[in-house]
Amino acid sequence: SAAQPAAGHTNASNPAAQTWAEASAALRIESAAAKPSAAPLASAKLHTELAVQADEADEADEALELYTSAAEHLLSALRLEEGGHAAASIRLRLGAVMDRAEQLKGGGR
C-alpha cells in the first residue's frame, strides 16, 4: 500500500508509517470469527493509512483526526487481546500513532 514504505526504505519523516509497517509484518490478523480484535485492527489500519496520506499531503487537521480515530480502534483491539505478542504489537502501533498525533497537535511536522 502507498502508506507503507517500500522494502528497505526508511520513512524518517513519518515514524508512525514506519512503525506501522514494522509492527504489521510481525502480526497476522486472523478472521474476525477467530480473533475478536481483527475488526478494530482492520479499522485502525485503514485509518492509519488514510492519516499517513493526509499527513504527507500536509493536511494536518485531517491527519490528526484520522490518527486519533486509529488510536481509538487500537485501544479497542488491545482490550480484546489476552496479552502476548499480539498485544505487544498493538501497543507498539498505538504508541507510534499517538506520538504522531501529539506532534501534529504541537504544530510539528
PDB file of N, CA and C in Angstrom:
ATOM      1  N   SER A   1       0.831  -1.186   0.000  1.00  0.00           N
ATOM      2  CA  SER A   1       0.000   0.000   0.000  1.00  0.00           C
ATOM      3  C   SER A   1       0.867   1.238   0.000  1.00  0.00           C
ATOM      4  N   ALA A   2       0.325   2.326  -0.442  1.00  0.00           N
ATOM      5  CA  ALA A   2       1.085   3.566  -0.575  1.00  0.00           C
ATOM      6  C   ALA A   2       1.505   4.120   0.770  1.00  0.00           C
ATOM      7  N   ALA A   3       0.808   3.759   1.828  1.00  0.00           N
ATOM      8  CA  ALA A   3       1.116   4.306   3.143  1.00  0.00           C
ATOM      9  C   ALA A   3       2.321   3.641   3.785  1.00  0.00           C
ATOM     10  N   GLN A   4       2.711   2.489   3.277  1.00  0.00           N
ATOM     11  CA  GLN A   4       3.835   1.784   3.866  1.00  0.00           C
ATOM     12  C   GLN A   4       5.085   2.036   3.046  1.00  0.00           C
ATOM     13  N   PRO A   5       6.234   2.210   3.716  1.00  0.00           N
ATOM     14  CA  PRO A   5       7.465   2.427   2.979  1.00  0.00           C
ATOM     15  C   PRO A   5       7.839   1.200   2.158  1.00  0.00           C
ATOM     16  N   ALA A   6       8.499   1.426   1.048  1.00  0.00           N
ATOM     17  CA  ALA A   6       8.961   0.324   0.212  1.00  0.00           C
ATOM     18  C   ALA A   6       9.992  -0.484   0.984  1.00  0.00           C
ATOM     19  N   ALA A   7      10.156  -1.730   0.599  1.00  0.00           N
ATOM     20  CA  ALA A   7      11.117  -2.594   1.272  1.00  0.00           C
ATOM     21  C   ALA A   7      12.494  -1.939   1.256  1.00  0.00           C
ATOM     22  N   GLY A   8      13.112  -1.878   2.420  1.00  0.00           N
ATOM     23  CA  GLY A   8      14.437  -1.296   2.527  1.00  0.00           C
ATOM     24  C   GLY A   8      14.430   0.217   2.629  1.00  0.00           C
ATOM     25  N   HIS A   9      13.264   0.849   2.498  1.00  0.00           N
ATOM     26  CA  HIS A   9      13.161   2.311   2.558  1.00  0.00           C
ATOM     27  C   HIS A   9      12.724   2.728   3.945  1.00  0.00           C
ATOM     28  N   THR A  10      13.393   3.694   4.528  1.00  0.00           N
ATOM     29  CA  THR A  10      13.047   4.200   5.843  1.00  0.00           C
ATOM     30  C   THR A  10      12.328   5.521   5.674  1.00  0.00           C
ATOM     31  N   ASN A  11      11.149   5.631   6.252  1.00  0.00           N
ATOM     32  CA  ASN A  11      10.375   6.859   6.177  1.00  0.00           C
ATOM     33  C   ASN A  11      10.656   7.654   7.438  1.00  0.00           C
ATOM     34  N   ALA A  12      11.790   8.349   7.470  1.00  0.00           N
ATOM     35  CA  ALA A  12      12.226   9.078   8.660  1.00  0.00           C
ATOM     36  C   ALA A  12      11.312  10.245   8.976  1.00  0.00           C
ATOM     37  N   SER A  13      10.621  10.795   7.982  1.00  0.00           N
ATOM     38  CA  SER A  13       9.758  11.942   8.228  1.00  0.00           C
ATOM     39  C   SER A  13       8.452  11.535   8.892  1.00  0.00           C
ATOM     40  N   ASN A  14       8.094  10.262   8.854  1.00  0.00           N
ATOM     41  CA  ASN A  14       6.851   9.814   9.471  1.00  0.00           C
ATOM     42  C   ASN A  14       7.067   8.489  10.194  1.00  0.00           C
ATOM     43  N   PRO A  15       7.500   8.574  11.462  1.00  0.00           N
ATOM     44  CA  PRO A  15       7.768   7.339  12.208  1.00  0.00           C
ATOM     45  C   PRO A  15       6.531   6.472  12.401  1.00  0.00           C
ATOM     46  N   ALA A  16       5.327   7.063  12.391  1.00  0.00           N
ATOM     47  CA  ALA A  16       4.115   6.254  12.537  1.00  0.00           C
ATOM     48  C   ALA A  16       3.970   5.296  11.366  1.00  0.00           C
ATOM     49  N   ALA A  17       4.242   5.773  10.165  1.00  0.00           N
ATOM     50  CA  ALA A  17       4.147   4.912   8.985  1.00  0.00           C
ATOM     51  C   ALA A  17       5.185   3.799   9.042  1.00  0.00           C
ATOM     52  N   GLN A  18       6.393   4.146   9.449  1.00  0.00           N
ATOM     53  CA  GLN A  18       7.466   3.161   9.533  1.00  0.00           C
ATOM     54  C   GLN A  18       7.152   2.113  10.603  1.00  0.00           C
ATOM     55  N   THR A  19       6.743   2.569  11.786  1.00  0.00           N
ATOM     56  CA  THR A  19       6.458   1.644  12.879  1.00  0.00           C
ATOM     57  C   THR A  19       5.277   0.754  12.529  1.00  0.00           C
ATOM     58  N   TRP A  20       4.260   1.339  11.881  1.00  0.00           N
ATOM     59  CA  TRP A  20       3.090   0.549  11.494  1.00  0.00           C
ATOM     60  C   TRP A  20       3.520  -0.577  10.561  1.00  0.00           C
ATOM     61  N   ALA A  21       4.348  -0.260   9.592  1.00  0.00           N
ATOM     62  CA  ALA A  21       4.794  -1.275   8.639  1.00  0.00           C
ATOM     63  C   ALA A  21       5.573  -2.381   9.342  1.00  0.00           C
ATOM     64  N   GLU A  22       6.439  -2.004  10.275  1.00  0.00           N
ATOM     65  CA  GLU A  22       7.226  -2.990  11.004  1.00  0.00           C
ATOM     66  C   GLU A  22       6.335  -3.856  11.896  1.00  0.00           C
ATOM     67  N   ALA A  23       5.414  -3.215  12.612  1.00  0.00           N
ATOM     68  CA  ALA A  23       4.539  -3.969  13.514  1.00  0.00           C
ATOM     69  C   ALA A  23       3.576  -4.850  12.728  1.00  0.00           C
ATOM     70  N   SER A  24       3.118  -4.356  11.575  1.00  0.00           N
ATOM     71  CA  SER A  24       2.195  -5.140  10.758  1.00  0.00           C
ATOM     72  C   SER A  24       2.848  -6.416  10.257  1.00  0.00           C
ATOM     73  N   ALA A  25       4.130  -6.324   9.945  1.00  0.00           N
ATOM     74  CA  ALA A  25       4.843  -7.502   9.469  1.00  0.00           C
ATOM     75  C   ALA A  25       4.930  -8.568  10.551  1.00  0.00           C
ATOM     76  N   ALA A  26       4.890  -8.139  11.821  1.00  0.00           N
ATOM     77  CA  ALA A  26       5.030  -9.070  12.929  1.00  0.00           C
ATOM     78  C   ALA A  26       3.696  -9.658  13.384  1.00  0.00           C
ATOM     79  N   LEU A  27       2.591  -9.096  12.920  1.00  0.00           N
ATOM     80  CA  LEU A  27       1.281  -9.515  13.417  1.00  0.00           C
ATOM     81  C   LEU A  27       0.430 -10.041  12.272  1.00  0.00           C
ATOM     82  N   ARG A  28      -0.122 -11.223  12.431  1.00  0.00           N
ATOM     83  CA  ARG A  28      -1.014 -11.792  11.431  1.00  0.00           C
ATOM     84  C   ARG A  28      -2.447 -11.611  11.934  1.00  0.00           C
ATOM     85  N   ILE A  29      -3.250 -10.895  11.147  1.00  0.00           N
ATOM     86  CA  ILE A  29      -4.640 -10.683  11.539  1.00  0.00           C
ATOM     87  C   ILE A  29      -5.461 -11.853  11.018  1.00  0.00           C
ATOM     88  N   GLU A  30      -6.104 -12.558  11.948  1.00  0.00           N
ATOM     89  CA  GLU A  30      -6.921 -13.704  11.588  1.00  0.00           C
ATOM     90  C   GLU A  30      -8.347 -13.238  11.323  1.00  0.00           C
ATOM     91  N   SER A  31      -9.211 -14.158  10.979  1.00  0.00           N
ATOM     92  CA  SER A  31     -10.594 -13.789  10.695  1.00  0.00           C
ATOM     93  C   SER A  31     -11.262 -13.237  11.947  1.00  0.00           C
ATOM     94  N   ALA A  32     -12.271 -12.404  11.762  1.00  0.00           N
ATOM     95  CA  ALA A  32     -12.977 -11.781  12.888  1.00  0.00           C
ATOM     96  C   ALA A  32     -13.616 -12.838  13.779  1.00  0.00           C
ATOM     97  N   ALA A  33     -14.035 -13.944  13.198  1.00  0.00           N
ATOM     98  CA  ALA A  33     -14.659 -15.001  13.994  1.00  0.00           C
ATOM     99  C   ALA A  33     -13.640 -15.662  14.916  1.00  0.00           C
ATOM    100  N   ALA A  34     -12.416 -15.813  14.443  1.00  0.00           N
ATOM    101  CA  ALA A  34     -11.385 -16.480  15.229  1.00  0.00           C
ATOM    102  C   ALA A  34     -10.698 -15.520  16.195  1.00  0.00           C
ATOM    103  N   LYS A  35     -10.689 -14.235  15.898  1.00  0.00           N
ATOM    104  CA  LYS A  35      -9.957 -13.274  16.711  1.00  0.00           C
ATOM    105  C   LYS A  35     -10.803 -12.006  16.828  1.00  0.00           C
ATOM    106  N   PRO A  36     -11.376 -11.749  17.986  1.00  0.00           N
ATOM    107  CA  PRO A  36     -12.255 -10.589  18.147  1.00  0.00           C
ATOM    108  C   PRO A  36     -11.583  -9.253  17.848  1.00  0.00           C
ATOM    109  N   SER A  37     -10.269  -9.184  17.995  1.00  0.00           N
ATOM    110  CA  SER A  37      -9.573  -7.915  17.754  1.00  0.00           C
ATOM    111  C   SER A  37      -9.371  -7.626  16.268  1.00  0.00           C
ATOM    112  N   ALA A  38      -9.712  -8.566  15.385  1.00  0.00           N
ATOM    113  CA  ALA A  38      -9.451  -8.382  13.954  1.00  0.00           C
ATOM    114  C   ALA A  38     -10.196  -7.187  13.375  1.00  0.00           C
ATOM    115  N   ALA A  39     -11.452  -6.997  13.733  1.00  0.00           N
ATOM    116  CA  ALA A  39     -12.228  -5.880  13.168  1.00  0.00           C
ATOM    117  C   ALA A  39     -11.662  -4.522  13.592  1.00  0.00           C
ATOM    118  N   PRO A  40     -11.420  -4.287  14.908  1.00  0.00           N
ATOM    119  CA  PRO A  40     -10.837  -2.988  15.251  1.00  0.00           C
ATOM    120  C   PRO A  40      -9.423  -2.810  14.694  1.00  0.00           C
ATOM    121  N   LEU A  41      -8.665  -3.882  14.546  1.00  0.00           N
ATOM    122  CA  LEU A  41      -7.335  -3.771  13.946  1.00  0.00           C
ATOM    123  C   LEU A  41      -7.433  -3.369  12.483  1.00  0.00           C
ATOM    124  N   ALA A  42      -8.398  -3.932  11.767  1.00  0.00           N
ATOM    125  CA  ALA A  42      -8.584  -3.573  10.365  1.00  0.00           C
ATOM    126  C   ALA A  42      -8.973  -2.100  10.238  1.00  0.00           C
ATOM    127  N   SER A  43      -9.859  -1.643  11.119  1.00  0.00           N
ATOM    128  CA  SER A  43     -10.259  -0.229  11.113  1.00  0.00           C
ATOM    129  C   SER A  43      -9.074   0.668  11.448  1.00  0.00           C
ATOM    130  N   ALA A  44      -8.280   0.257  12.423  1.00  0.00           N
ATOM    131  CA  ALA A  44      -7.102   1.041  12.810  1.00  0.00           C
ATOM    132  C   ALA A  44      -6.122   1.133  11.648  1.00  0.00           C
ATOM    133  N   LYS A  45      -5.933   0.026  10.948  1.00  0.00           N
ATOM    134  CA  LYS A  45      -5.004   0.020   9.806  1.00  0.00           C
ATOM    135  C   LYS A  45      -5.488   0.980   8.732  1.00  0.00           C
ATOM    136  N   LEU A  46      -6.783   0.925   8.413  1.00  0.00           N
ATOM    137  CA  LEU A  46      -7.330   1.813   7.394  1.00  0.00           C
ATOM    138  C   LEU A  46      -7.167   3.274   7.802  1.00  0.00           C
ATOM    139  N   HIS A  47      -7.527   3.596   9.045  1.00  0.00           N
ATOM    140  CA  HIS A  47      -7.419   4.986   9.493  1.00  0.00           C
ATOM    141  C   HIS A  47      -5.968   5.454   9.540  1.00  0.00           C
ATOM    142  N   THR A  48      -5.057   4.555   9.886  1.00  0.00           N
ATOM    143  CA  THR A  48      -3.640   4.923   9.890  1.00  0.00           C
ATOM    144  C   THR A  48      -3.155   5.201   8.476  1.00  0.00           C
ATOM    145  N   GLU A  49      -3.530   4.353   7.530  1.00  0.00           N
ATOM    146  CA  GLU A  49      -3.119   4.563   6.139  1.00  0.00           C
ATOM    147  C   GLU A  49      -3.663   5.888   5.614  1.00  0.00           C
ATOM    148  N   LEU A  50      -4.928   6.189   5.921  1.00  0.00           N
ATOM    149  CA  LEU A  50      -5.514   7.455   5.486  1.00  0.00           C
ATOM    150  C   LEU A  50      -4.841   8.640   6.180  1.00  0.00           C
ATOM    151  N   ALA A  51      -4.499   8.462   7.452  1.00  0.00           N
ATOM    152  CA  ALA A  51      -3.813   9.522   8.196  1.00  0.00           C
ATOM    153  C   ALA A  51      -2.448   9.815   7.589  1.00  0.00           C
ATOM    154  N   VAL A  52      -1.731   8.776   7.229  1.00  0.00           N
ATOM    155  CA  VAL A  52      -0.406   8.948   6.620  1.00  0.00           C
ATOM    156  C   VAL A  52      -0.544   9.697   5.288  1.00  0.00           C
ATOM    157  N   GLN A  53      -1.557   9.340   4.504  1.00  0.00           N
ATOM    158  CA  GLN A  53      -1.776  10.038   3.232  1.00  0.00           C
ATOM    159  C   GLN A  53      -2.076  11.513   3.469  1.00  0.00           C
ATOM    160  N   ALA A  54      -2.959  11.809   4.434  1.00  0.00           N
ATOM    161  CA  ALA A  54      -3.280  13.205   4.754  1.00  0.00           C
ATOM    162  C   ALA A  54      -2.047  13.931   5.281  1.00  0.00           C
ATOM    163  N   ASP A  55      -1.282  13.237   6.113  1.00  0.00           N
ATOM    164  CA  ASP A  55      -0.061  13.800   6.697  1.00  0.00           C
ATOM    165  C   ASP A  55       0.933  14.173   5.593  1.00  0.00           C
ATOM    166  N   GLU A  56       1.129  13.273   4.670  1.00  0.00           N
ATOM    167  CA  GLU A  56       2.072  13.507   3.581  1.00  0.00           C
ATOM    168  C   GLU A  56       1.588  14.600   2.634  1.00  0.00           C
ATOM    169  N   ALA A  57       0.271  14.857   2.601  1.00  0.00           N
ATOM    170  CA  ALA A  57      -0.305  15.918   1.776  1.00  0.00           C
ATOM    171  C   ALA A  57      -0.388  17.236   2.549  1.00  0.00           C
ATOM    172  N   ASP A  58       0.242  17.283   3.718  1.00  0.00           N
ATOM    173  CA  ASP A  58       0.242  18.467   4.585  1.00  0.00           C
ATOM    174  C   ASP A  58      -1.160  18.894   5.013  1.00  0.00           C
ATOM    175  N   GLU A  59      -2.050  17.932   5.200  1.00  0.00           N
ATOM    176  CA  GLU A  59      -3.399  18.185   5.704  1.00  0.00           C
ATOM    177  C   GLU A  59      -3.408  17.779   7.185  1.00  0.00           C
ATOM    178  N   ALA A  60      -2.787  18.620   8.006  1.00  0.00           N
ATOM    179  CA  ALA A  60      -2.542  18.286   9.406  1.00  0.00           C
ATOM    180  C   ALA A  60      -3.820  18.044  10.198  1.00  0.00           C
ATOM    181  N   ASP A  61      -4.849  18.859  10.002  1.00  0.00           N
ATOM    182  CA  ASP A  61      -6.091  18.683  10.763  1.00  0.00           C
ATOM    183  C   ASP A  61      -6.748  17.342  10.450  1.00  0.00           C
ATOM    184  N   GLU A  62      -6.805  16.993   9.166  1.00  0.00           N
ATOM    185  CA  GLU A  62      -7.384  15.721   8.753  1.00  0.00           C
ATOM    186  C   GLU A  62      -6.534  14.558   9.279  1.00  0.00           C
ATOM    187  N   ALA A  63      -5.225  14.697   9.170  1.00  0.00           N
ATOM    188  CA  ALA A  63      -4.327  13.645   9.657  1.00  0.00           C
ATOM    189  C   ALA A  63      -4.507  13.437  11.159  1.00  0.00           C
ATOM    190  N   LEU A  64      -4.591  14.526  11.910  1.00  0.00           N
ATOM    191  CA  LEU A  64      -4.767  14.417  13.359  1.00  0.00           C
ATOM    192  C   LEU A  64      -6.056  13.689  13.698  1.00  0.00           C
ATOM    193  N   GLU A  65      -7.132  14.024  13.013  1.00  0.00           N
ATOM    194  CA  GLU A  65      -8.418  13.369  13.250  1.00  0.00           C
ATOM    195  C   GLU A  65      -8.319  11.870  12.958  1.00  0.00           C
ATOM    196  N   LEU A  66      -7.654  11.524  11.869  1.00  0.00           N
ATOM    197  CA  LEU A  66      -7.519  10.117  11.487  1.00  0.00           C
ATOM    198  C   LEU A  66      -6.579   9.356  12.422  1.00  0.00           C
ATOM    199  N   TYR A  67      -5.472   9.973  12.836  1.00  0.00           N
ATOM    200  CA  TYR A  67      -4.582   9.311  13.804  1.00  0.00           C
ATOM    201  C   TYR A  67      -5.324   9.075  15.120  1.00  0.00           C
ATOM    202  N   THR A  68      -6.144  10.043  15.532  1.00  0.00           N
ATOM    203  CA  THR A  68      -6.916   9.902  16.773  1.00  0.00           C
ATOM    204  C   THR A  68      -7.901   8.744  16.650  1.00  0.00           C
ATOM    205  N   SER A  69      -8.565   8.653  15.525  1.00  0.00           N
ATOM    206  CA  SER A  69      -9.500   7.560  15.286  1.00  0.00           C
ATOM    207  C   SER A  69      -8.767   6.209  15.280  1.00  0.00           C
ATOM    208  N   ALA A  70      -7.613   6.176  14.641  1.00  0.00           N
ATOM    209  CA  ALA A  70      -6.820   4.938  14.622  1.00  0.00           C
ATOM    210  C   ALA A  70      -6.440   4.529  16.042  1.00  0.00           C
ATOM    211  N   ALA A  71      -6.061   5.501  16.868  1.00  0.00           N
ATOM    212  CA  ALA A  71      -5.694   5.199  18.258  1.00  0.00           C
ATOM    213  C   ALA A  71      -6.882   4.618  19.016  1.00  0.00           C
ATOM    214  N   GLU A  72      -8.069   5.157  18.795  1.00  0.00           N
ATOM    215  CA  GLU A  72      -9.265   4.632  19.466  1.00  0.00           C
ATOM    216  C   GLU A  72      -9.525   3.187  19.062  1.00  0.00           C
ATOM    217  N   HIS A  73      -9.364   2.875  17.775  1.00  0.00           N
ATOM    218  CA  HIS A  73      -9.556   1.493  17.308  1.00  0.00           C
ATOM    219  C   HIS A  73      -8.484   0.574  17.884  1.00  0.00           C
ATOM    220  N   LEU A  74      -7.255   1.065  17.979  1.00  0.00           N
ATOM    221  CA  LEU A  74      -6.182   0.249  18.569  1.00  0.00           C
ATOM    222  C   LEU A  74      -6.452  -0.030  20.042  1.00  0.00           C
ATOM    223  N   LEU A  75      -6.975   0.953  20.761  1.00  0.00           N
ATOM    224  CA  LEU A  75      -7.330   0.733  22.167  1.00  0.00           C
ATOM    225  C   LEU A  75      -8.418  -0.331  22.284  1.00  0.00           C
ATOM    226  N   SER A  76      -9.391  -0.287  21.392  1.00  0.00           N
ATOM    227  CA  SER A  76     -10.440  -1.311  21.387  1.00  0.00           C
ATOM    228  C   SER A  76      -9.847  -2.693  21.143  1.00  0.00           C
ATOM    229  N   ALA A  77      -8.948  -2.780  20.185  1.00  0.00           N
ATOM    230  CA  ALA A  77      -8.303  -4.062  19.881  1.00  0.00           C
ATOM    231  C   ALA A  77      -7.482  -4.547  21.066  1.00  0.00           C
ATOM    232  N   LEU A  78      -6.782  -3.635  21.713  1.00  0.00           N
ATOM    233  CA  LEU A  78      -5.946  -4.006  22.853  1.00  0.00           C
ATOM    234  C   LEU A  78      -6.791  -4.580  23.989  1.00  0.00           C
ATOM    235  N   ARG A  79      -7.969  -4.003  24.211  1.00  0.00           N
ATOM    236  CA  ARG A  79      -8.870  -4.511  25.253  1.00  0.00           C
ATOM    237  C   ARG A  79      -9.349  -5.934  24.949  1.00  0.00           C
ATOM    238  N   LEU A  80      -9.383  -6.289  23.676  1.00  0.00           N
ATOM    239  CA  LEU A  80      -9.859  -7.616  23.268  1.00  0.00           C
ATOM    240  C   LEU A  80      -8.757  -8.665  23.251  1.00  0.00           C
ATOM    241  N   GLU A  81      -7.518  -8.232  23.312  1.00  0.00           N
ATOM    242  CA  GLU A  81      -6.395  -9.171  23.297  1.00  0.00           C
ATOM    243  C   GLU A  81      -6.126  -9.692  24.702  1.00  0.00           C
ATOM    244  N   GLU A  82      -5.607 -10.892  24.777  1.00  0.00           N
ATOM    245  CA  GLU A  82      -5.309 -11.519  26.061  1.00  0.00           C
ATOM    246  C   GLU A  82      -3.857 -11.345  26.470  1.00  0.00           C
ATOM    247  N   GLY A  83      -3.115 -10.572  25.730  1.00  0.00           N
ATOM    248  CA  GLY A  83      -1.702 -10.384  26.046  1.00  0.00           C
ATOM    249  C   GLY A  83      -0.838 -11.039  24.995  1.00  0.00           C
ATOM    250  N   GLY A  84       0.402 -11.227  25.330  1.00  0.00           N
ATOM    251  CA  GLY A  84       1.330 -11.887  24.424  1.00  0.00           C
ATOM    252  C   GLY A  84       1.820 -10.985  23.309  1.00  0.00           C
ATOM    253  N   HIS A  85       2.272 -11.623  22.244  1.00  0.00           N
ATOM    254  CA  HIS A  85       2.896 -10.924  21.123  1.00  0.00           C
ATOM    255  C   HIS A  85       1.931  -9.954  20.439  1.00  0.00           C
ATOM    256  N   ALA A  86       0.686 -10.366  20.241  1.00  0.00           N
ATOM    257  CA  ALA A  86      -0.284  -9.507  19.554  1.00  0.00           C
ATOM    258  C   ALA A  86      -0.519  -8.223  20.341  1.00  0.00           C
ATOM    259  N   ALA A  87      -0.684  -8.333  21.652  1.00  0.00           N
ATOM    260  CA  ALA A  87      -0.907  -7.133  22.477  1.00  0.00           C
ATOM    261  C   ALA A  87       0.322  -6.226  22.438  1.00  0.00           C
ATOM    262  N   ALA A  88       1.501  -6.807  22.449  1.00  0.00           N
ATOM    263  CA  ALA A  88       2.725  -6.006  22.382  1.00  0.00           C
ATOM    264  C   ALA A  88       2.807  -5.262  21.050  1.00  0.00           C
ATOM    265  N   SER A  89       2.428  -5.921  19.976  1.00  0.00           N
ATOM    266  CA  SER A  89       2.438  -5.299  18.659  1.00  0.00           C
ATOM    267  C   SER A  89       1.425  -4.152  18.592  1.00  0.00           C
ATOM    268  N   ILE A  90       0.256  -4.367  19.172  1.00  0.00           N
ATOM    269  CA  ILE A  90      -0.768  -3.316  19.195  1.00  0.00           C
ATOM    270  C   ILE A  90      -0.280  -2.124  20.010  1.00  0.00           C
ATOM    271  N   ARG A  91       0.354  -2.384  21.153  1.00  0.00           N
ATOM    272  CA  ARG A  91       0.887  -1.283  21.968  1.00  0.00           C
ATOM    273  C   ARG A  91       1.947  -0.496  21.200  1.00  0.00           C
ATOM    274  N   LEU A  92       2.768  -1.180  20.427  1.00  0.00           N
ATOM    275  CA  LEU A  92       3.790  -0.522  19.609  1.00  0.00           C
ATOM    276  C   LEU A  92       3.131   0.396  18.576  1.00  0.00           C
ATOM    277  N   ARG A  93       2.129  -0.115  17.891  1.00  0.00           N
ATOM    278  CA  ARG A  93       1.403   0.681  16.902  1.00  0.00           C
ATOM    279  C   ARG A  93       0.735   1.879  17.574  1.00  0.00           C
ATOM    280  N   LEU A  94       0.092   1.633  18.700  1.00  0.00           N
ATOM    281  CA  LEU A  94      -0.610   2.685  19.422  1.00  0.00           C
ATOM    282  C   LEU A  94       0.344   3.809  19.814  1.00  0.00           C
ATOM    283  N   GLY A  95       1.508   3.444  20.303  1.00  0.00           N
ATOM    284  CA  GLY A  95       2.499   4.448  20.680  1.00  0.00           C
ATOM    285  C   GLY A  95       2.922   5.301  19.498  1.00  0.00           C
ATOM    286  N   ALA A  96       3.150   4.684  18.358  1.00  0.00           N
ATOM    287  CA  ALA A  96       3.577   5.425  17.163  1.00  0.00           C
ATOM    288  C   ALA A  96       2.483   6.367  16.680  1.00  0.00           C
ATOM    289  N   VAL A  97       1.248   5.888  16.669  1.00  0.00           N
ATOM    290  CA  VAL A  97       0.119   6.706  16.216  1.00  0.00           C
ATOM    291  C   VAL A  97      -0.088   7.882  17.169  1.00  0.00           C
ATOM    292  N   MET A  98      -0.022   7.622  18.465  1.00  0.00           N
ATOM    293  CA  MET A  98      -0.220   8.689  19.447  1.00  0.00           C
ATOM    294  C   MET A  98       0.929   9.698  19.399  1.00  0.00           C
ATOM    295  N   ASP A  99       2.144   9.221  19.203  1.00  0.00           N
ATOM    296  CA  ASP A  99       3.286  10.138  19.089  1.00  0.00           C
ATOM    297  C   ASP A  99       3.106  11.090  17.919  1.00  0.00           C
ATOM    298  N   ARG A 100       2.675  10.554  16.767  1.00  0.00           N
ATOM    299  CA  ARG A 100       2.491  11.411  15.605  1.00  0.00           C
ATOM    300  C   ARG A 100       1.337  12.386  15.824  1.00  0.00           C
ATOM    301  N   ALA A 101       0.263  11.937  16.456  1.00  0.00           N
ATOM    302  CA  ALA A 101      -0.857  12.836  16.753  1.00  0.00           C
ATOM    303  C   ALA A 101      -0.395  13.974  17.668  1.00  0.00           C
ATOM    304  N   GLU A 102       0.420  13.661  18.658  1.00  0.00           N
ATOM    305  CA  GLU A 102       0.939  14.698  19.551  1.00  0.00           C
ATOM    306  C   GLU A 102       1.830  15.689  18.808  1.00  0.00           C
ATOM    307  N   GLN A 103       2.641  15.181  17.878  1.00  0.00           N
ATOM    308  CA  GLN A 103       3.474  16.069  17.072  1.00  0.00           C
ATOM    309  C   GLN A 103       2.609  17.023  16.265  1.00  0.00           C
ATOM    310  N   LEU A 104       1.544  16.503  15.680  1.00  0.00           N
ATOM    311  CA  LEU A 104       0.660  17.359  14.885  1.00  0.00           C
ATOM    312  C   LEU A 104      -0.069  18.377  15.756  1.00  0.00           C
ATOM    313  N   LYS A 105      -0.477  17.955  16.948  1.00  0.00           N
ATOM    314  CA  LYS A 105      -1.142  18.881  17.875  1.00  0.00           C
ATOM    315  C   LYS A 105      -0.221  20.050  18.209  1.00  0.00           C
ATOM    316  N   GLY A 106       1.063  19.744  18.331  1.00  0.00           N
ATOM    317  CA  GLY A 106       2.037  20.779  18.659  1.00  0.00           C
ATOM    318  C   GLY A 106       2.468  21.602  17.447  1.00  0.00           C
ATOM    319  N   GLY A 107       1.874  21.326  16.296  1.00  0.00           N
ATOM    320  CA  GLY A 107       2.215  22.069  15.088  1.00  0.00           C
ATOM    321  C   GLY A 107       3.473  21.577  14.409  1.00  0.00           C
ATOM    322  N   GLY A 108       3.994  20.437  14.863  1.00  0.00           N
ATOM    323  CA  GLY A 108       5.239  19.913  14.301  1.00  0.00           C
ATOM    324  C   GLY A 108       5.007  19.105  13.045  1.00  0.00           C
ATOM    325  N   ARG A 109       6.015  18.984  12.263  1.00  0.00           N
ATOM    326  CA  ARG A 109       5.958  18.201  11.035  1.00  0.00           C
ATOM    327  C   ARG A 109       6.792  16.998  11.170  1.00  0.00           C
TER     328      ARG A 109
END
